[in-house]
């Protein structure tokens, strides 16, 4: 019985961070939300997934202001093009290596670029979007390479650290979204 209690106490320390008992890291904003809010939907469509119509239905149901998609290939891009009328602004970079990316937006985008920060075949997206209030938000769309079990997370961490440095230098409100490929043995989340 004592061993069970010790084991439970040990496991609780890992679970408590996901409960209301744990302090959140995100700070509350003092700014009024009118004109300063938006909705963002992030989805890894998994390139080999054939349920394109189901995905399009999900997007229509949630109707986000910004849609970040990872792993689209040309087939997915063709299907997603059905959303072009709903999202007049976009950055599209489909690839057949599971690292394609697409960003679709109802909000105006400026200074958009596809970058290769850590590897020549793994893109990231940078752009700025303007809220109805006029506030400008930096946006990084990422899908770094996942580490393999028992290996270093150096390449993935490199991309995220480069982005972190750019965020610090800009001083602007920034969102980093995508498939971060975080794993249990990674320390990146604690950086």
Protein backbone atom coordinates (compact mmCIF):
# COMPACT_ATOMS: atom_id res chain seq x y z
CA UNK A 1 0.00 0.00 0.00
CA UNK A 2 2.85 2.38 0.82
CA UNK A 3 4.48 1.64 -2.54
CA UNK A 4 1.20 2.44 -4.31
CA UNK A 5 0.90 5.76 -2.44
CA UNK A 6 4.49 6.70 -3.30
CA UNK A 7 3.93 5.77 -6.95
CA UNK A 8 0.75 7.86 -7.09
CA UNK A 9 2.45 10.84 -5.46
CA UNK A 10 5.27 10.55 -7.98
CA UNK A 11 2.85 10.46 -10.95
CA UNK A 12 0.70 13.33 -9.66
CA UNK A 13 3.61 15.74 -10.03
CA UNK A 14 3.48 15.14 -13.80
CA UNK A 15 -0.30 15.43 -14.11
CA UNK A 16 -0.97 18.43 -11.85
CA UNK A 17 0.47 20.88 -14.40
CA UNK A 18 -2.50 20.09 -16.67
CA UNK A 19 -5.13 20.82 -14.03
CA UNK A 20 -6.74 24.03 -12.73
CA UNK A 21 -4.63 23.58 -9.59
CA UNK A 22 -1.51 24.69 -11.45
CA UNK A 23 -0.65 28.30 -12.26
CA UNK A 24 -0.95 29.14 -15.96
CA UNK A 25 2.01 30.55 -17.87
CA UNK A 26 -0.04 32.81 -20.14
CA UNK A 27 -0.52 36.34 -18.87
CA UNK A 28 -3.92 37.98 -18.91
CA UNK A 29 -4.23 40.98 -21.17
CA UNK A 30 -5.33 44.39 -19.91
CA UNK A 31 -6.24 45.51 -23.42
CA UNK A 32 -9.85 45.59 -24.49
CA UNK A 33 -10.68 42.58 -26.65
CA UNK A 34 -12.96 44.38 -29.11
CA UNK A 35 -11.06 44.56 -32.37
CA UNK A 36 -8.07 42.85 -30.75
CA UNK A 37 -9.25 39.27 -30.90
CA UNK A 38 -9.19 36.60 -33.58
CA UNK A 39 -9.56 32.85 -33.92
CA UNK A 40 -6.78 30.52 -35.02
CA UNK A 41 -7.14 26.90 -36.10
CA UNK A 42 -3.95 24.82 -36.36
CA UNK A 43 -4.13 21.42 -38.01
CA UNK A 44 -1.63 18.78 -39.03
CA UNK A 45 -3.56 17.13 -41.86
CA UNK A 46 -1.10 14.21 -42.07
CA UNK A 47 -0.14 14.10 -45.71
CA UNK A 48 -1.29 10.50 -46.26
CA UNK A 49 -4.73 11.24 -44.77
CA UNK A 50 -7.46 11.07 -47.44
CA UNK A 51 -10.27 12.69 -45.45
CA UNK A 52 -10.01 16.04 -47.19
CA UNK A 53 -13.75 16.76 -47.25
CA UNK A 54 -13.98 16.03 -43.53
CA UNK A 55 -11.21 18.56 -42.91
CA UNK A 56 -12.94 21.19 -45.07
CA UNK A 57 -16.17 20.62 -43.09
CA UNK A 58 -14.26 21.13 -39.84
CA UNK A 59 -12.84 24.44 -41.11
CA UNK A 60 -16.31 25.59 -42.22
CA UNK A 61 -17.77 24.63 -38.82
CA UNK A 62 -15.16 26.50 -36.75
CA UNK A 63 -14.77 29.35 -39.25
CA UNK A 64 -11.38 30.61 -37.97
CA UNK A 65 -9.89 33.97 -38.90
CA UNK A 66 -6.53 32.28 -39.47
CA UNK A 67 -5.87 28.68 -40.52
CA UNK A 68 -2.40 27.13 -40.12
CA UNK A 69 -1.96 23.76 -41.86
CA UNK A 70 1.04 21.45 -41.63
CA UNK A 71 1.88 18.49 -43.90
CA UNK A 72 -0.11 19.48 -47.00
CA UNK A 73 1.17 18.07 -50.29
CA UNK A 74 -0.11 19.07 -53.76
CA UNK A 75 -3.22 16.90 -53.33
CA UNK A 76 -4.10 18.60 -50.09
CA UNK A 77 -3.31 22.01 -51.57
CA UNK A 78 -5.76 21.37 -54.42
CA UNK A 79 -8.48 20.42 -51.94
CA UNK A 80 -7.72 23.33 -49.61
CA UNK A 81 -7.94 25.74 -52.56
CA UNK A 82 -11.73 25.40 -52.15
CA UNK A 83 -11.29 27.69 -49.13
CA UNK A 84 -9.60 30.48 -51.09
CA UNK A 85 -12.84 32.48 -51.28
CA UNK A 86 -13.12 32.46 -47.49
CA UNK A 87 -9.45 33.28 -46.88
CA UNK A 88 -8.28 36.03 -49.26
CA UNK A 89 -4.74 36.17 -47.81
CA UNK A 90 -2.38 33.20 -47.80
CA UNK A 91 1.12 31.79 -47.79
CA UNK A 92 1.26 28.34 -49.38
CA UNK A 93 4.19 25.95 -49.57
CA UNK A 94 2.95 22.38 -50.10
CA UNK A 95 5.61 19.66 -50.14
CA UNK A 96 5.63 15.90 -50.59
CA UNK A 97 8.07 15.31 -47.69
CA UNK A 98 5.51 15.81 -44.85
CA UNK A 99 6.84 19.32 -44.17
CA UNK A 100 4.52 21.35 -46.39
CA UNK A 101 2.83 24.37 -44.81
CA UNK A 102 -0.08 26.60 -45.63
CA UNK A 103 -1.36 29.68 -43.84
CA UNK A 104 -4.77 31.04 -44.84
CA UNK A 105 -6.13 34.25 -43.37
CA UNK A 106 -9.15 36.51 -43.42
CA UNK A 107 -6.93 39.21 -41.93
CA UNK A 108 -4.46 41.10 -44.14
CA UNK A 109 -0.94 39.61 -44.21
CA UNK A 110 2.23 41.61 -44.81
CA UNK A 111 5.94 40.82 -45.07
CA UNK A 112 5.13 37.15 -45.71
CA UNK A 113 8.05 34.81 -46.35
CA UNK A 114 8.82 31.12 -46.45
CA UNK A 115 12.11 30.52 -44.63
CA UNK A 116 14.43 27.56 -44.14
CA UNK A 117 15.96 28.25 -40.74
CA UNK A 118 17.51 24.91 -39.78
CA UNK A 119 17.30 22.61 -42.82
CA UNK A 120 17.01 23.17 -46.57
CA UNK A 121 13.93 20.97 -46.94
CA UNK A 122 11.93 22.07 -43.87
CA UNK A 123 10.18 25.41 -44.29
CA UNK A 124 8.71 27.80 -41.78
CA UNK A 125 6.42 30.73 -42.46
CA UNK A 126 6.83 34.27 -41.21
CA UNK A 127 4.20 36.94 -41.70
CA UNK A 128 2.49 39.79 -39.96
CA UNK A 129 -1.26 40.17 -39.75
CA UNK A 130 -3.31 43.19 -38.85
CA UNK A 131 -6.20 43.01 -36.41
CA UNK A 132 -9.34 45.12 -36.92
CA UNK A 133 -8.03 47.46 -34.19
CA UNK A 134 -4.93 48.12 -36.31
CA UNK A 135 -2.62 46.12 -34.02
CA UNK A 136 0.04 44.18 -35.90
CA UNK A 137 0.94 40.65 -34.79
CA UNK A 138 4.01 38.69 -35.89
CA UNK A 139 3.31 35.08 -36.81
CA UNK A 140 5.68 32.13 -37.19
CA UNK A 141 4.30 28.89 -38.60
CA UNK A 142 6.59 25.97 -37.82
CA UNK A 143 6.88 22.22 -38.20
CA UNK A 144 10.41 21.28 -37.13
CA UNK A 145 11.75 17.79 -37.62
CA UNK A 146 10.86 15.42 -34.77
CA UNK A 147 13.69 13.88 -32.78
CA UNK A 148 14.00 10.11 -32.78
CA UNK A 149 13.78 8.22 -29.47
CA UNK A 150 17.04 8.42 -27.59
CA UNK A 151 18.50 11.10 -29.87
CA UNK A 152 19.27 14.74 -29.47
CA UNK A 153 16.68 17.41 -30.24
CA UNK A 154 19.36 19.79 -31.56
CA UNK A 155 17.99 20.46 -35.06
CA UNK A 156 14.43 21.00 -33.85
CA UNK A 157 15.64 23.15 -30.98
CA UNK A 158 17.85 25.20 -33.33
CA UNK A 159 14.85 26.33 -35.37
CA UNK A 160 12.84 27.22 -32.28
CA UNK A 161 15.78 29.11 -30.73
CA UNK A 162 16.31 31.10 -33.95
CA UNK A 163 12.64 32.04 -33.89
CA UNK A 164 12.90 32.94 -30.19
CA UNK A 165 15.76 35.30 -30.95
CA UNK A 166 13.76 36.95 -33.75
CA UNK A 167 10.82 37.40 -31.39
CA UNK A 168 13.03 39.03 -28.76
CA UNK A 169 14.55 41.38 -31.34
CA UNK A 170 11.17 42.43 -32.75
CA UNK A 171 9.54 43.34 -29.45
CA UNK A 172 6.14 42.85 -31.13
CA UNK A 173 3.33 40.58 -30.00
CA UNK A 174 4.07 37.22 -31.64
CA UNK A 175 2.40 33.87 -32.17
CA UNK A 176 4.32 30.67 -32.88
CA UNK A 177 2.01 27.93 -34.12
CA UNK A 178 2.22 24.63 -35.94
CA UNK A 179 3.32 21.11 -35.14
CA UNK A 180 6.19 21.63 -32.69
CA UNK A 181 7.05 17.92 -32.51
CA UNK A 182 7.65 18.10 -28.79
CA UNK A 183 8.41 14.78 -27.14
CA UNK A 184 8.69 13.42 -23.62
CA UNK A 185 12.49 13.38 -23.58
CA UNK A 186 12.83 16.95 -24.88
CA UNK A 187 13.86 19.82 -22.64
CA UNK A 188 12.82 22.51 -25.15
CA UNK A 189 9.53 23.18 -23.41
CA UNK A 190 11.47 24.22 -20.34
CA UNK A 191 13.78 26.68 -22.15
